[in-house]
Amino acid sequence: MPQRARSTFQAQVFSCWNWKCALLSAAARSSVYLAALRRSGSHGRLSIVLVEMGYVALTAGVYAALQQRALGLRSRVLGNVLVAAGVPALAQTLDWLAHRAVGAAVPSRATIAVSVFTGVSALFHQFVMRRGVFLTGRGCSLWDDFRLIPKLIAAFVAAPVLLLVSGVVGTERAAEPEGIL
């Protein structure tokens, strides 16, 4: 590949790479693996965690960039499905293959724990990115994003409860006969 084409390709890759999510994902996912492996007695714990840190640091930014771009699709439903299911499924499959390729087989308990974490993380990414947080190329600093995290975590945790309550209240109101009150 000629030098100019290579530098253009690298510029495109790094302009899409979401370094904020790469940093946070590498730290969080490695911690999940370490916690899951703590009791497993796995002899290759360090190698599994190192592979995870390196692999996730390289790829999570690309996955987050894909998620960020999916949010801009015309079809909001398609964007949501890609963010919440498509990208995490791709990430988990490639993660599993990376561990197999280096001979660091991961116990099923750790795989399940990280898969659950990845699913919740993808939903959280979708939630915060739709609110303008952890996006790259928009001028907000990582520190600004961190300051919003406590409120966003509370809103994310409360969202299913609020949805359930509004659904129950809406159902009760629909069941009330007209003319009363």
Protein backbone atom coordinates (compact mmCIF):
# COMPACT_ATOMS: atom_id res chain seq x y z
CA MET A 1 0.00 0.00 0.00
CA PRO A 2 1.48 3.37 -0.99
CA GLN A 3 2.43 5.73 1.85
CA ARG A 4 -0.32 8.27 1.07
CA ALA A 5 -3.04 5.60 0.94
CA ARG A 6 -1.74 4.04 4.19
CA SER A 7 -1.76 7.37 6.03
CA THR A 8 -5.28 8.15 4.72
CA PHE A 9 -6.49 4.73 5.89
CA GLN A 10 -4.87 5.21 9.32
CA ALA A 11 -6.39 8.68 9.62
CA GLN A 12 -9.86 7.26 8.86
CA VAL A 13 -9.45 4.42 11.35
CA PHE A 14 -8.27 6.70 14.13
CA SER A 15 -10.87 9.36 13.38
CA CYS A 16 -13.53 6.68 13.90
CA TRP A 17 -11.88 5.06 16.91
CA ASN A 18 -13.72 5.98 20.12
CA TRP A 19 -10.82 6.24 22.57
CA LYS A 20 -13.09 7.10 25.49
CA CYS A 21 -14.98 3.81 25.28
CA ALA A 22 -11.78 1.89 24.49
CA LEU A 23 -10.17 3.08 27.72
CA LEU A 24 -13.22 2.38 29.87
CA SER A 25 -14.05 -0.95 28.24
CA ALA A 26 -10.52 -2.33 28.58
CA ALA A 27 -10.44 -1.49 32.29
CA ALA A 28 -13.98 -2.72 33.03
CA ARG A 29 -13.93 -5.94 30.99
CA SER A 30 -10.53 -6.94 32.32
CA SER A 31 -11.85 -6.44 35.84
CA VAL A 32 -14.86 -8.64 35.07
CA TYR A 33 -12.59 -11.39 33.74
CA LEU A 34 -10.30 -11.11 36.75
CA ALA A 35 -13.24 -11.32 39.17
CA ALA A 36 -14.77 -14.28 37.32
CA LEU A 37 -11.43 -16.11 37.21
CA ARG A 38 -10.56 -15.44 40.84
CA ARG A 39 -12.34 -18.58 42.06
CA SER A 40 -11.96 -20.70 38.95
CA GLY A 41 -8.42 -21.80 39.75
CA SER A 42 -7.41 -21.10 36.18
CA HIS A 43 -3.64 -21.24 35.80
CA GLY A 44 -3.59 -18.80 32.91
CA ARG A 45 -5.39 -15.95 34.69
CA LEU A 46 -2.76 -13.35 33.94
CA SER A 47 -2.52 -14.31 30.27
CA ILE A 48 -6.32 -14.22 29.92
CA VAL A 49 -6.51 -10.76 31.50
CA LEU A 50 -3.57 -9.44 29.46
CA VAL A 51 -5.09 -10.75 26.22
CA GLU A 52 -8.38 -9.15 27.22
CA MET A 53 -6.79 -5.79 28.02
CA GLY A 54 -4.77 -5.66 24.82
CA TYR A 55 -7.51 -6.95 22.57
CA VAL A 56 -10.22 -4.74 24.06
CA ALA A 57 -8.02 -1.64 24.04
CA LEU A 58 -7.50 -2.16 20.32
CA THR A 59 -11.04 -3.12 19.36
CA ALA A 60 -13.47 -1.49 21.80
CA GLY A 61 -12.84 1.91 20.27
CA VAL A 62 -13.77 0.58 16.85
CA TYR A 63 -16.90 -1.13 18.23
CA ALA A 64 -17.93 2.06 20.04
CA ALA A 65 -17.36 4.02 16.84
CA LEU A 66 -19.65 1.57 15.03
CA GLN A 67 -22.22 2.07 17.77
CA GLN A 68 -21.86 5.84 17.56
CA ARG A 69 -22.38 5.76 13.79
CA ALA A 70 -25.32 3.34 14.08
CA LEU A 71 -27.12 5.90 16.23
CA GLY A 72 -27.16 8.20 13.22
CA LEU A 73 -29.00 5.76 10.94
CA ARG A 74 -32.34 6.90 9.54
CA SER A 75 -34.06 3.92 11.08
CA ARG A 76 -33.80 4.44 14.84
CA VAL A 77 -34.92 0.83 15.40
CA LEU A 78 -32.15 -0.54 13.17
CA GLY A 79 -29.61 1.71 14.91
CA ASN A 80 -30.79 0.50 18.32
CA VAL A 81 -30.60 -3.16 17.28
CA LEU A 82 -27.10 -2.71 15.88
CA VAL A 83 -25.93 -0.89 19.03
CA ALA A 84 -27.56 -3.24 21.54
CA ALA A 85 -27.18 -6.60 19.78
CA GLY A 86 -25.17 -6.55 16.54
CA VAL A 87 -21.97 -4.91 17.71
CA PRO A 88 -21.84 -6.81 21.05
CA ALA A 89 -22.39 -10.15 19.27
CA LEU A 90 -19.56 -9.36 16.86
CA ALA A 91 -17.33 -8.26 19.74
CA GLN A 92 -17.98 -11.38 21.82
CA THR A 93 -17.40 -13.71 18.87
CA LEU A 94 -14.10 -12.06 17.94
CA ASP A 95 -13.10 -11.92 21.63
CA TRP A 96 -13.64 -15.66 21.97
CA LEU A 97 -11.65 -16.29 18.78
CA ALA A 98 -8.79 -14.07 20.02
CA HIS A 99 -8.50 -16.04 23.25
CA ARG A 100 -8.57 -19.33 21.33
CA ALA A 101 -5.92 -18.10 18.89
CA VAL A 102 -3.42 -17.35 21.65
CA GLY A 103 -4.23 -20.53 23.56
CA ALA A 104 -5.75 -18.73 26.54
CA ALA A 105 -8.95 -20.76 26.78
CA VAL A 106 -11.43 -18.96 28.97
CA PRO A 107 -13.60 -20.95 31.41
CA SER A 108 -17.31 -20.88 30.57
CA ARG A 109 -18.10 -19.00 33.81
CA ALA A 110 -15.91 -16.10 32.69
CA THR A 111 -17.35 -16.17 29.17
CA ILE A 112 -20.90 -16.00 30.52
CA ALA A 113 -20.00 -13.20 32.96
CA VAL A 114 -18.37 -11.12 30.24
CA SER A 115 -21.23 -11.79 27.79
CA VAL A 116 -23.77 -10.50 30.33
CA PHE A 117 -21.52 -7.52 31.06
CA THR A 118 -21.19 -6.82 27.32
CA GLY A 119 -24.96 -6.86 26.85
CA VAL A 120 -25.60 -4.46 29.73
CA SER A 121 -22.66 -2.33 28.62
CA ALA A 122 -24.08 -2.08 25.08
CA LEU A 123 -27.44 -0.94 26.45
CA PHE A 124 -25.64 1.60 28.64
CA HIS A 125 -23.58 2.83 25.66
CA GLN A 126 -26.78 3.29 23.71
CA PHE A 127 -28.39 5.14 26.61
CA VAL A 128 -25.50 7.55 27.21
CA MET A 129 -24.59 8.07 23.55
CA ARG A 130 -28.19 9.03 22.77
CA ARG A 131 -27.66 11.72 25.44
CA GLY A 132 -24.40 12.96 23.88
CA VAL A 133 -21.98 11.32 26.33
CA PHE A 134 -18.89 9.21 25.45
CA LEU A 135 -19.00 10.40 21.88
CA THR A 136 -15.82 11.35 20.11
CA GLY A 137 -15.43 14.18 17.67
CA ARG A 138 -17.91 16.42 19.47
CA GLY A 139 -15.59 18.49 21.65
CA CYS A 140 -16.67 17.13 25.06
CA SER A 141 -13.82 16.04 27.27
CA LEU A 142 -13.63 12.73 29.08
CA TRP A 143 -13.81 14.70 32.33
CA ASP A 144 -17.10 16.30 31.22
CA ASP A 145 -18.44 12.83 30.46
CA PHE A 146 -17.33 11.53 33.87
CA ARG A 147 -19.12 14.36 35.66
CA LEU A 148 -22.40 13.25 34.06
CA ILE A 149 -21.96 9.55 34.84
CA PRO A 150 -23.64 9.47 38.31
CA LYS A 151 -26.83 11.04 36.93
CA LEU A 152 -26.75 8.84 33.85
CA ILE A 153 -26.26 5.65 35.88
CA ALA A 154 -29.22 6.60 38.09
CA ALA A 155 -31.35 7.36 35.02
CA PHE A 156 -30.26 4.12 33.31
CA VAL A 157 -31.13 2.01 36.36
CA ALA A 158 -34.44 3.87 36.83
CA ALA A 159 -35.47 3.67 33.15
CA PRO A 160 -36.89 0.10 33.24
CA VAL A 161 -38.75 0.86 36.48
CA LEU A 162 -40.21 4.06 35.04
CA LEU A 163 -41.18 2.24 31.85
CA LEU A 164 -42.89 -0.50 33.86
CA VAL A 165 -44.71 2.02 36.08
CA SER A 166 -45.86 4.09 33.12
CA GLY A 167 -47.09 0.92 31.40
CA VAL A 168 -49.05 -0.18 34.48
CA VAL A 169 -50.51 3.29 35.02
CA GLY A 170 -51.38 3.57 31.33
CA THR A 171 -53.10 0.17 31.41
CA GLU A 172 -55.12 1.13 34.49
CA ARG A 173 -56.21 4.40 32.90
CA ALA A 174 -57.24 2.62 29.71
CA ALA A 175 -59.34 0.18 31.75
CA GLU A 176 -61.24 3.00 33.56
CA PRO A 177 -64.70 3.62 32.12
CA GLU A 178 -65.29 7.09 30.71
CA GLY A 179 -67.49 9.49 32.58
CA ILE A 180 -66.18 8.60 36.04
CA LEU A 181 -64.53 11.55 37.78
